[in-house]
Amino acid sequence: MITKEQFEKLVDIELTEKDGKLVYDGNLFLKGRKDITELPDNFKVLGFLELSNSGITKLPKGLEVEYWLDISGTEIEELPKDTKADCLYTNKMKKPFSFPKIVKVNSSFECSSTTIKRIPEKLYVKEY
């Protein structure tokens, strides 16, 4: 598990701690960063989190993203049930992908050119 300090140094950002969460106030663009293989647990991004084609192989528990979460083109194999995001993009995943039983997305959801191992039993999408 990566620590707060290790992640801050690797990404060159500062995180604050609030209500048991490590919070980044802004957009975090990590697209294509193969040197980043994990995120800290209980991580909250007050903007978007762009992880497409990065070295991330597993999402942490307690991940919250205020706007969009893009994990397209990664080797992530499942979406943890406690992941929260306004928009979710899971296009062209490199490995078969599993969703939890219930997925709620406030804005848009995309899942194209992805082999799905387990679809959600209930999928709620408000817009697109």
C-alpha atoms as a PDB file:
ATOM      1  CA  MET A   1       0.000   0.000   0.000  1.00  0.00           C
ATOM      2  CA  ILE A   2       1.357   3.398  -0.977  1.00  0.00           C
ATOM      3  CA  THR A   3       1.545   5.989   1.784  1.00  0.00           C
ATOM      4  CA  LYS A   4       0.348   9.583   1.609  1.00  0.00           C
ATOM      5  CA  GLU A   5       3.934  10.827   1.587  1.00  0.00           C
ATOM      6  CA  GLN A   6       5.070   8.408  -1.129  1.00  0.00           C
ATOM      7  CA  PHE A   7       2.147   9.329  -3.363  1.00  0.00           C
ATOM      8  CA  GLU A   8       2.641  13.073  -2.831  1.00  0.00           C
ATOM      9  CA  LYS A   9       6.295  12.806  -3.800  1.00  0.00           C
ATOM     10  CA  LEU A  10       5.635  10.584  -6.826  1.00  0.00           C
ATOM     11  CA  VAL A  11       2.895  12.802  -8.249  1.00  0.00           C
ATOM     12  CA  ASP A  12       4.291  16.120  -6.904  1.00  0.00           C
ATOM     13  CA  ILE A  13       1.087  17.176  -5.167  1.00  0.00           C
ATOM     14  CA  GLU A  14      -0.099  17.912  -1.625  1.00  0.00           C
ATOM     15  CA  LEU A  15      -2.957  16.032  -0.016  1.00  0.00           C
ATOM     16  CA  THR A  16      -5.000  17.141   2.965  1.00  0.00           C
ATOM     17  CA  GLU A  17      -6.749  14.868   5.431  1.00  0.00           C
ATOM     18  CA  LYS A  18     -10.449  15.356   6.089  1.00  0.00           C
ATOM     19  CA  ASP A  19     -12.996  12.993   7.622  1.00  0.00           C
ATOM     20  CA  GLY A  20     -10.696   9.973   7.219  1.00  0.00           C
ATOM     21  CA  LYS A  21     -10.003  10.746   3.545  1.00  0.00           C
ATOM     22  CA  LEU A  22      -6.871  11.875   1.742  1.00  0.00           C
ATOM     23  CA  VAL A  23      -8.138  14.767  -0.359  1.00  0.00           C
ATOM     24  CA  TYR A  24      -6.712  16.366  -3.483  1.00  0.00           C
ATOM     25  CA  ASP A  25      -8.378  19.686  -4.324  1.00  0.00           C
ATOM     26  CA  GLY A  26      -8.246  19.820  -8.107  1.00  0.00           C
ATOM     27  CA  ASN A  27      -7.990  17.742 -11.257  1.00  0.00           C
ATOM     28  CA  LEU A  28      -5.442  14.928 -11.297  1.00  0.00           C
ATOM     29  CA  PHE A  29      -4.120  14.011 -14.727  1.00  0.00           C
ATOM     30  CA  LEU A  30      -2.084  10.761 -14.581  1.00  0.00           C
ATOM     31  CA  LYS A  31      -2.776   9.543 -18.123  1.00  0.00           C
ATOM     32  CA  GLY A  32      -0.005   7.286 -19.427  1.00  0.00           C
ATOM     33  CA  ARG A  33       2.008   7.399 -16.176  1.00  0.00           C
ATOM     34  CA  LYS A  34       3.390   3.846 -16.032  1.00  0.00           C
ATOM     35  CA  ASP A  35       5.454   4.714 -12.927  1.00  0.00           C
ATOM     36  CA  ILE A  36       2.270   5.068 -10.889  1.00  0.00           C
ATOM     37  CA  THR A  37       0.905   1.631 -10.041  1.00  0.00           C
ATOM     38  CA  GLU A  38      -1.367   2.376  -7.086  1.00  0.00           C
ATOM     39  CA  LEU A  39      -3.407   5.037  -5.342  1.00  0.00           C
ATOM     40  CA  PRO A  40      -3.739   5.503  -1.583  1.00  0.00           C
ATOM     41  CA  ASP A  41      -6.787   4.045   0.173  1.00  0.00           C
ATOM     42  CA  ASN A  42      -9.641   6.409   1.037  1.00  0.00           C
ATOM     43  CA  PHE A  43      -8.571   8.851  -1.666  1.00  0.00           C
ATOM     44  CA  LYS A  44     -10.892  11.704  -2.701  1.00  0.00           C
ATOM     45  CA  VAL A  45     -10.363  13.923  -5.741  1.00  0.00           C
ATOM     46  CA  LEU A  46     -12.336  17.177  -5.861  1.00  0.00           C
ATOM     47  CA  GLY A  47     -12.140  17.307  -9.650  1.00  0.00           C
ATOM     48  CA  PHE A  48     -11.465  14.675 -12.287  1.00  0.00           C
ATOM     49  CA  LEU A  49      -9.124  11.688 -12.068  1.00  0.00           C
ATOM     50  CA  GLU A  50      -7.582  10.686 -15.394  1.00  0.00           C
ATOM     51  CA  LEU A  51      -5.888   7.268 -15.115  1.00  0.00           C
ATOM     52  CA  SER A  52      -6.228   6.058 -18.712  1.00  0.00           C
ATOM     53  CA  ASN A  53      -3.316   3.994 -20.003  1.00  0.00           C
ATOM     54  CA  SER A  54      -1.519   4.352 -16.659  1.00  0.00           C
ATOM     55  CA  GLY A  55       0.230   1.655 -14.646  1.00  0.00           C
ATOM     56  CA  ILE A  56      -2.626   1.463 -12.110  1.00  0.00           C
ATOM     57  CA  THR A  57      -3.692  -2.169 -11.739  1.00  0.00           C
ATOM     58  CA  LYS A  58      -6.193  -1.895  -8.882  1.00  0.00           C
ATOM     59  CA  LEU A  59      -8.432   0.837  -7.541  1.00  0.00           C
ATOM     60  CA  PRO A  60      -8.193   1.527  -3.809  1.00  0.00           C
ATOM     61  CA  LYS A  61     -10.989   1.087  -1.319  1.00  0.00           C
ATOM     62  CA  GLY A  62     -12.944   4.238  -0.608  1.00  0.00           C
ATOM     63  CA  LEU A  63     -12.121   6.053  -3.865  1.00  0.00           C
ATOM     64  CA  GLU A  64     -14.291   9.131  -4.486  1.00  0.00           C
ATOM     65  CA  VAL A  65     -14.061  11.366  -7.544  1.00  0.00           C
ATOM     66  CA  GLU A  66     -16.218  14.490  -7.687  1.00  0.00           C
ATOM     67  CA  TYR A  67     -16.365  14.642 -11.475  1.00  0.00           C
ATOM     68  CA  TRP A  68     -15.113  11.971 -13.884  1.00  0.00           C
ATOM     69  CA  LEU A  69     -13.026   8.885 -13.365  1.00  0.00           C
ATOM     70  CA  ASP A  70     -11.318   7.525 -16.474  1.00  0.00           C
ATOM     71  CA  ILE A  71      -9.644   4.115 -16.110  1.00  0.00           C
ATOM     72  CA  SER A  72      -9.740   3.287 -19.831  1.00  0.00           C
ATOM     73  CA  GLY A  73      -6.876   1.223 -21.220  1.00  0.00           C
ATOM     74  CA  THR A  74      -5.605   0.067 -17.819  1.00  0.00           C
ATOM     75  CA  GLU A  75      -5.098  -3.427 -16.389  1.00  0.00           C
ATOM     76  CA  ILE A  76      -7.647  -2.812 -13.627  1.00  0.00           C
ATOM     77  CA  GLU A  77      -9.901  -5.870 -13.381  1.00  0.00           C
ATOM     78  CA  GLU A  78     -12.727  -4.662 -11.172  1.00  0.00           C
ATOM     79  CA  LEU A  79     -14.546  -1.626  -9.879  1.00  0.00           C
ATOM     80  CA  PRO A  80     -14.733  -1.747  -6.077  1.00  0.00           C
ATOM     81  CA  LYS A  81     -18.302  -1.476  -4.796  1.00  0.00           C
ATOM     82  CA  ASP A  82     -17.528   1.633  -2.734  1.00  0.00           C
ATOM     83  CA  THR A  83     -16.105   3.639  -5.667  1.00  0.00           C
ATOM     84  CA  LYS A  84     -17.965   6.918  -6.262  1.00  0.00           C
ATOM     85  CA  ALA A  85     -17.721   9.069  -9.386  1.00  0.00           C
ATOM     86  CA  ASP A  86     -19.974  11.466 -11.271  1.00  0.00           C
ATOM     87  CA  CYS A  87     -18.858  10.039 -14.650  1.00  0.00           C
ATOM     88  CA  LEU A  88     -17.165   6.694 -15.313  1.00  0.00           C
ATOM     89  CA  TYR A  89     -15.149   5.670 -18.363  1.00  0.00           C
ATOM     90  CA  THR A  90     -14.029   2.036 -18.774  1.00  0.00           C
ATOM     91  CA  ASN A  91     -13.217   1.839 -22.482  1.00  0.00           C
ATOM     92  CA  LYS A  92     -10.699  -0.542 -24.056  1.00  0.00           C
ATOM     93  CA  MET A  93      -9.770  -2.230 -20.776  1.00  0.00           C
ATOM     94  CA  LYS A  94      -6.732  -4.501 -21.159  1.00  0.00           C
ATOM     95  CA  LYS A  95      -8.201  -7.344 -19.059  1.00  0.00           C
ATOM     96  CA  PRO A  96     -11.733  -8.701 -18.617  1.00  0.00           C
ATOM     97  CA  PHE A  97     -13.530  -6.300 -16.279  1.00  0.00           C
ATOM     98  CA  SER A  98     -16.006  -6.871 -13.439  1.00  0.00           C
ATOM     99  CA  PHE A  99     -18.534  -4.430 -12.057  1.00  0.00           C
ATOM    100  CA  PRO A 100     -20.088  -4.632  -8.586  1.00  0.00           C
ATOM    101  CA  LYS A 101     -23.763  -5.628  -8.262  1.00  0.00           C
ATOM    102  CA  ILE A 102     -24.896  -2.001  -8.210  1.00  0.00           C
ATOM    103  CA  VAL A 103     -23.308   0.867 -10.154  1.00  0.00           C
ATOM    104  CA  LYS A 104     -24.597   4.448  -9.787  1.00  0.00           C
ATOM    105  CA  VAL A 105     -23.294   7.207 -12.035  1.00  0.00           C
ATOM    106  CA  ASN A 106     -24.729  10.717 -11.821  1.00  0.00           C
ATOM    107  CA  SER A 107     -23.741  11.889 -15.265  1.00  0.00           C
ATOM    108  CA  SER A 108     -22.215   9.682 -17.963  1.00  0.00           C
ATOM    109  CA  PHE A 109     -21.016   6.111 -18.292  1.00  0.00           C
ATOM    110  CA  GLU A 110     -18.958   4.620 -21.112  1.00  0.00           C
ATOM    111  CA  CYS A 111     -17.852   1.031 -21.543  1.00  0.00           C
ATOM    112  CA  SER A 112     -16.853   0.219 -25.112  1.00  0.00           C
ATOM    113  CA  SER A 113     -14.392  -2.276 -26.572  1.00  0.00           C
ATOM    114  CA  THR A 114     -14.109  -3.947 -23.159  1.00  0.00           C
ATOM    115  CA  THR A 115     -14.565  -7.605 -22.295  1.00  0.00           C
ATOM    116  CA  ILE A 116     -16.937  -7.675 -19.336  1.00  0.00           C
ATOM    117  CA  LYS A 117     -16.542 -10.544 -16.915  1.00  0.00           C
ATOM    118  CA  ARG A 118     -19.431  -9.481 -14.645  1.00  0.00           C
ATOM    119  CA  ILE A 119     -22.069  -6.895 -15.484  1.00  0.00           C
ATOM    120  CA  PRO A 120     -23.892  -4.970 -12.760  1.00  0.00           C
ATOM    121  CA  GLU A 121     -27.276  -6.308 -11.719  1.00  0.00           C
ATOM    122  CA  LYS A 122     -28.465  -2.717 -11.458  1.00  0.00           C
ATOM    123  CA  LEU A 123     -26.981   0.178 -13.407  1.00  0.00           C
ATOM    124  CA  TYR A 124     -28.183   3.704 -12.688  1.00  0.00           C
ATOM    125  CA  VAL A 125     -27.080   6.461 -15.080  1.00  0.00           C
ATOM    126  CA  LYS A 126     -28.790   9.850 -14.925  1.00  0.00           C
ATOM    127  CA  GLU A 127     -27.702  11.317 -18.242  1.00  0.00           C
ATOM    128  CA  TYR A 128     -25.540   9.536 -20.835  1.00  0.00           C
END
